[in-house]
Protein backbone atom coordinates (compact mmCIF):
# COMPACT_ATOMS: atom_id res chain seq x y z
CA UNK A 1 -22.12 -8.24 -3.39
CA UNK A 2 -18.99 -6.78 -4.85
CA UNK A 3 -17.40 -3.75 -3.87
CA UNK A 4 -16.90 -1.44 -7.06
CA UNK A 5 -13.95 0.79 -6.90
CA UNK A 6 -13.03 3.48 -9.00
CA UNK A 7 -9.25 5.10 -9.23
CA UNK A 8 -9.78 8.52 -10.46
CA UNK A 9 -7.43 11.43 -11.35
CA UNK A 10 -8.19 14.36 -13.74
CA UNK A 11 -4.32 14.56 -14.09
CA UNK A 12 -2.00 12.32 -16.38
CA UNK A 13 0.48 10.06 -16.11
CA UNK A 14 0.04 9.76 -12.32
CA UNK A 15 0.24 5.88 -12.35
CA UNK A 16 -3.43 5.34 -12.18
CA UNK A 17 -3.78 2.75 -14.55
CA UNK A 18 -0.49 0.91 -13.17
CA UNK A 19 -2.19 1.16 -9.90
CA UNK A 20 -5.38 -0.38 -11.24
CA UNK A 21 -3.92 -3.55 -13.16
CA UNK A 22 -1.70 -4.05 -9.64
CA UNK A 23 -4.02 -3.37 -7.78
CA UNK A 24 -6.54 -5.41 -9.83
CA UNK A 25 -3.57 -8.37 -9.73
CA UNK A 26 -2.57 -8.24 -6.52
CA UNK A 27 -6.23 -8.55 -5.05
CA UNK A 28 -5.85 -11.59 -7.10
CA UNK A 29 -2.97 -13.67 -6.03
CA UNK A 30 -4.71 -12.95 -2.77
CA UNK A 31 -7.67 -15.03 -3.44
CA UNK A 32 -10.22 -12.76 -4.62
CA UNK A 33 -12.25 -12.35 -7.41
CA UNK A 34 -11.65 -9.50 -9.62
CA UNK A 35 -13.05 -7.60 -12.55
CA UNK A 36 -10.81 -5.25 -14.05
CA UNK A 37 -12.73 -2.42 -16.05
CA UNK A 38 -10.98 -0.61 -18.82
CA UNK A 39 -12.78 2.76 -18.98
CA UNK A 40 -9.59 4.76 -20.81
CA UNK A 41 -10.18 5.12 -24.78
CA UNK A 42 -6.61 4.67 -24.64
CA UNK A 43 -7.36 1.05 -23.58
CA UNK A 44 -3.79 1.00 -21.57
CA UNK A 45 -5.51 -1.07 -18.93
CA UNK A 46 -6.50 -3.63 -21.69
CA UNK A 47 -2.98 -3.92 -23.00
CA UNK A 48 -1.24 -4.12 -19.86
CA UNK A 49 -3.03 -7.68 -19.54
CA UNK A 50 -2.02 -8.66 -22.68
CA UNK A 51 -5.34 -8.38 -24.91
CA UNK A 52 -5.09 -6.91 -28.26
CA UNK A 53 -7.36 -3.56 -28.42
CA UNK A 54 -7.85 -4.24 -32.28
CA UNK A 55 -8.97 -7.54 -31.85
CA UNK A 56 -12.05 -7.09 -29.71
CA UNK A 57 -15.40 -8.24 -30.59
CA UNK A 58 -17.31 -6.37 -27.43
CA UNK A 59 -15.79 -3.96 -25.29
CA UNK A 60 -17.01 -1.56 -22.36
CA UNK A 61 -18.11 1.06 -25.07
CA UNK A 62 -20.83 -1.92 -26.18
CA UNK A 63 -21.84 -2.27 -22.64
CA UNK A 64 -22.86 1.08 -22.32
CA UNK A 65 -24.49 1.67 -25.19
CA UNK A 66 -26.86 -1.47 -25.06
CA UNK A 67 -24.57 -3.08 -27.80
CA UNK A 68 -24.16 -6.46 -25.83
CA UNK A 69 -24.88 -8.50 -23.43
CA UNK A 70 -22.51 -7.92 -20.12
CA UNK A 71 -21.13 -11.13 -19.71
CA UNK A 72 -20.37 -11.51 -23.51
CA UNK A 73 -17.85 -8.19 -22.84
CA UNK A 74 -15.80 -9.74 -20.17
CA UNK A 75 -13.08 -11.56 -21.06
CA UNK A 76 -11.41 -14.12 -18.67
CA UNK A 77 -7.51 -13.61 -18.50
CA UNK A 78 -4.59 -16.07 -17.72
CA UNK A 79 -3.86 -14.43 -14.52
CA UNK A 80 -5.49 -15.48 -11.27
CA UNK A 81 -8.50 -14.33 -10.73
CA UNK A 82 -8.40 -11.55 -12.90
CA UNK A 83 -10.92 -11.04 -15.46
CA UNK A 84 -11.10 -8.05 -17.73
CA UNK A 85 -13.73 -5.66 -19.30
CA UNK A 86 -11.22 -3.80 -22.26
CA UNK A 87 -11.30 -0.76 -23.70
CA UNK A 88 -10.36 0.33 -27.07
CA UNK A 89 -10.65 4.09 -29.00
CA UNK A 90 -14.49 3.48 -29.79
CA UNK A 91 -15.23 4.35 -26.48
CA UNK A 92 -14.40 7.97 -26.87
CA UNK A 93 -17.19 8.67 -29.28
CA UNK A 94 -19.17 6.48 -26.69
CA UNK A 95 -18.61 9.30 -24.15
CA UNK A 96 -20.32 12.10 -26.39
CA UNK A 97 -22.75 9.35 -27.20
CA UNK A 98 -23.59 9.08 -23.31
CA UNK A 99 -24.19 13.03 -22.90
CA UNK A 100 -27.47 12.75 -25.42
CA UNK A 101 -28.98 9.68 -23.33
CA UNK A 102 -31.38 10.11 -20.56
CA UNK A 103 -30.12 9.06 -17.03
CA UNK A 104 -26.39 9.74 -18.89
CA UNK A 105 -24.17 9.42 -15.19
CA UNK A 106 -25.89 6.13 -14.60
CA UNK A 107 -25.49 3.99 -17.88
CA UNK A 108 -22.66 2.08 -16.63
CA UNK A 109 -24.23 1.95 -12.73
CA UNK A 110 -26.65 -0.25 -15.02
CA UNK A 111 -24.28 -2.23 -17.00
CA UNK A 112 -22.55 -3.62 -14.12
CA UNK A 113 -25.24 -4.23 -11.58
CA UNK A 114 -25.64 -8.45 -13.26
CA UNK A 115 -22.01 -8.25 -12.96
CA UNK A 116 -20.74 -7.38 -9.37
CA UNK A 117 -22.80 -10.26 -7.64
CA UNK A 118 -19.77 -12.41 -9.48
CA UNK A 119 -16.75 -10.58 -8.20
CA UNK A 120 -15.38 -9.75 -4.74
CA UNK A 121 -14.02 -6.33 -6.15
CA UNK A 122 -14.55 -4.59 -9.43
CA UNK A 123 -11.94 -1.92 -9.87
CA UNK A 124 -12.32 1.17 -12.87
CA UNK A 125 -9.76 2.26 -14.41
CA UNK A 126 -10.94 5.85 -15.28
CA UNK A 127 -9.35 8.53 -17.98
CA UNK A 128 -7.23 11.15 -17.01
CA UNK A 129 -10.48 14.12 -16.86
CA UNK A 130 -13.40 14.72 -15.23
CA UNK A 131 -15.73 13.70 -18.25
CA UNK A 132 -19.27 11.82 -18.48
CA UNK A 133 -17.04 8.60 -18.13
CA UNK A 134 -15.64 9.14 -14.78
CA UNK A 135 -18.89 10.51 -13.80
CA UNK A 136 -20.36 7.48 -14.81
CA UNK A 137 -17.44 5.80 -12.77
CA UNK A 138 -18.18 7.93 -9.42
CA UNK A 139 -21.77 7.25 -9.50
CA UNK A 140 -21.34 3.49 -10.06
CA UNK A 141 -18.51 3.22 -7.42
CA UNK A 142 -18.84 2.61 -3.81
CA UNK A 143 -15.89 4.33 -3.41
CA UNK A 144 -12.30 5.78 -4.85
CA UNK A 145 -9.05 5.67 -4.87
CA UNK A 146 -6.96 8.53 -5.77
CA UNK A 147 -3.24 7.93 -7.57
CA UNK A 148 -1.31 10.36 -6.90
CA UNK A 149 2.30 11.52 -8.02
CA UNK A 150 4.34 13.62 -4.99
CA UNK A 151 4.49 16.70 -7.10
CA UNK A 152 2.68 20.57 -6.18
CA UNK A 153 0.73 20.54 -9.12
CA UNK A 154 -0.67 17.37 -8.16
CA UNK A 155 -1.87 18.78 -4.83
CA UNK A 156 -4.06 21.48 -6.44
CA UNK A 157 -5.62 18.81 -8.61
CA UNK A 158 -6.18 16.93 -5.62
CA UNK A 159 -9.01 19.87 -4.50
CA UNK A 160 -10.40 20.35 -7.33
CA UNK A 161 -10.63 16.09 -7.43
CA UNK A 162 -12.32 16.30 -3.83
CA UNK A 163 -14.72 19.02 -4.90
CA UNK A 164 -15.76 17.10 -7.66
CA UNK A 165 -16.70 13.52 -5.54
CA UNK A 166 -18.25 15.66 -3.01
CA UNK A 167 -20.73 17.45 -5.53
CA UNK A 168 -21.07 13.73 -7.51
CA UNK A 169 -22.07 12.17 -3.56
CA UNK A 170 -24.75 15.07 -2.87
CA UNK A 171 -26.37 14.47 -6.30
CA UNK A 172 -25.89 10.73 -7.33
CA UNK A 173 -24.78 8.71 -5.47
CA UNK A 174 -24.82 9.12 -1.71
CA UNK A 175 -22.62 5.82 -0.67
CA UNK A 176 -19.65 7.18 -2.69
CA UNK A 177 -16.47 7.00 -0.17
CA UNK A 178 -12.59 8.16 -0.54
CA UNK A 179 -11.04 5.10 0.39
CA UNK A 180 -7.54 6.75 -0.05
CA UNK A 181 -4.55 8.26 -1.69
CA UNK A 182 -2.41 6.20 -2.87
CA UNK A 183 0.96 8.37 -3.25
CA UNK A 184 2.85 6.76 -6.75
CA UNK A 185 6.06 7.52 -8.35
CA UNK A 186 7.67 7.87 -4.79
CA UNK A 187 11.12 9.11 -4.36
CA UNK A 188 12.00 9.51 -0.55
CA UNK A 189 15.46 11.01 -1.39
CA UNK A 190 13.94 13.64 -2.91
CA UNK A 191 12.80 16.98 -0.58
CA UNK A 192 10.07 17.81 -3.25
CA UNK A 193 8.11 13.98 -2.76
CA UNK A 194 8.66 14.16 1.35
CA UNK A 195 7.70 17.68 1.59
CA UNK A 196 4.37 16.49 -0.86
CA UNK A 197 4.06 13.71 1.72
CA UNK A 198 3.54 15.59 4.63
CA UNK A 199 1.31 18.21 3.48
CA UNK A 200 -1.06 15.31 2.44
CA UNK A 201 -0.48 14.09 5.88
CA UNK A 202 -1.32 17.01 7.45
CA UNK A 203 -4.45 17.80 5.30
CA UNK A 204 -5.86 14.37 4.69
CA UNK A 205 -4.15 12.08 7.55
CA UNK A 206 -6.53 9.33 7.65
CA UNK A 207 -6.88 8.90 3.65
CA UNK A 208 -3.32 8.46 3.05
CA UNK A 209 -2.18 5.07 2.37
CA UNK A 210 0.81 3.81 4.08
CA UNK A 211 1.85 1.70 1.27
CA UNK A 212 3.78 4.20 -1.13
CA UNK A 213 4.61 3.31 -4.81
CA UNK A 214 8.15 4.32 -5.66
CA UNK A 215 9.51 4.15 -8.95
CA UNK A 216 10.46 1.39 -10.23
CA UNK A 217 12.17 -0.33 -13.32
CA UNK A 218 9.77 -3.26 -13.15
CA UNK A 219 6.53 -1.50 -13.01
CA UNK A 220 7.74 0.21 -16.32
CA UNK A 221 8.86 -2.60 -17.78
CA UNK A 222 5.63 -5.00 -17.23
CA UNK A 223 3.05 -3.59 -19.78
CA UNK A 224 5.82 -4.35 -22.66
CA UNK A 225 5.26 -7.83 -21.35
CA UNK A 226 1.07 -7.79 -21.45
CA UNK A 227 1.62 -8.54 -17.62
CA UNK A 228 1.09 -7.29 -14.12
CA UNK A 229 4.42 -6.65 -12.12
CA UNK A 230 3.54 -9.90 -10.05
CA UNK A 231 4.17 -12.05 -12.91
CA UNK A 232 6.73 -10.25 -14.48
CA UNK A 233 8.93 -10.24 -11.51
CA UNK A 234 7.80 -11.63 -8.41
CA UNK A 235 10.62 -10.19 -6.17
CA UNK A 236 10.90 -6.89 -7.22
CA UNK A 237 10.17 -4.02 -5.35
CA UNK A 238 6.79 -2.60 -7.31
CA UNK A 239 5.32 -6.43 -6.58
CA UNK A 240 5.72 -5.86 -2.75
CA UNK A 241 4.22 -1.93 -2.82
CA UNK A 242 1.34 -3.28 -4.76
CA UNK A 243 0.97 -6.33 -2.42
CA UNK A 244 1.23 -4.26 0.71
CA UNK A 245 -1.28 -1.43 -0.54
CA UNK A 246 -3.96 -4.24 -1.83
CA UNK A 247 -3.89 -5.88 1.73
CA UNK A 248 -4.53 -2.12 3.03
CA UNK A 249 -7.49 -1.78 0.60
CA UNK A 250 -8.60 -4.75 1.71
CA UNK A 251 -8.44 -3.55 5.41
CA UNK A 252 -10.09 0.23 4.40
CA UNK A 253 -13.04 -1.36 3.08
């Protein structure tokens, strides 16, 4: 049975989708079978793998409301070991529909129950909020990775997110664990970055990934080509950093 891992942070612009896409692709390169689930109505993870959001026959929205079979919504990508459960803007309405349903927080868990056996890892790219889609992701998951930019407002948001994870663990999903905090957009030449990293390591010494993701032009360019950074430039710093993070993830599981 594959491990289900959510990448979550209620703050936008922290590299969450970039991390979900590139961790998934890196795990595929390392020989794992991966399903990337796009749970953001913006569909950025879908676009980042070169899939047109307008041409989708089925999406994760259909899966959540029982409008299709799980295997009908999965897209086989051209990337090694990597499949995609895509999303588009229809997912925004689905979030409101879920609130009115019985066991609203458990729909994704049920939807993925028949898919997870086919994969080593199911990676969930959550929206930048703590709404019903993120709650569904947490209830379905074995663990959470928190991508976090090195700024002080992000530290405040981290406390809130940790509290939410603890509440969901107690109420709905006792197996939910925090796998780690992945530092993104890191610039070691800035005192702010090093200070925030030091605070993280002080308060969460065992949870901060050793691998850090620096700001990198190739990482920014890759989504425009519809490919993970590994397939855009194998020699780039971004490729090497996400491969290191993927290997560390395998050690942490």
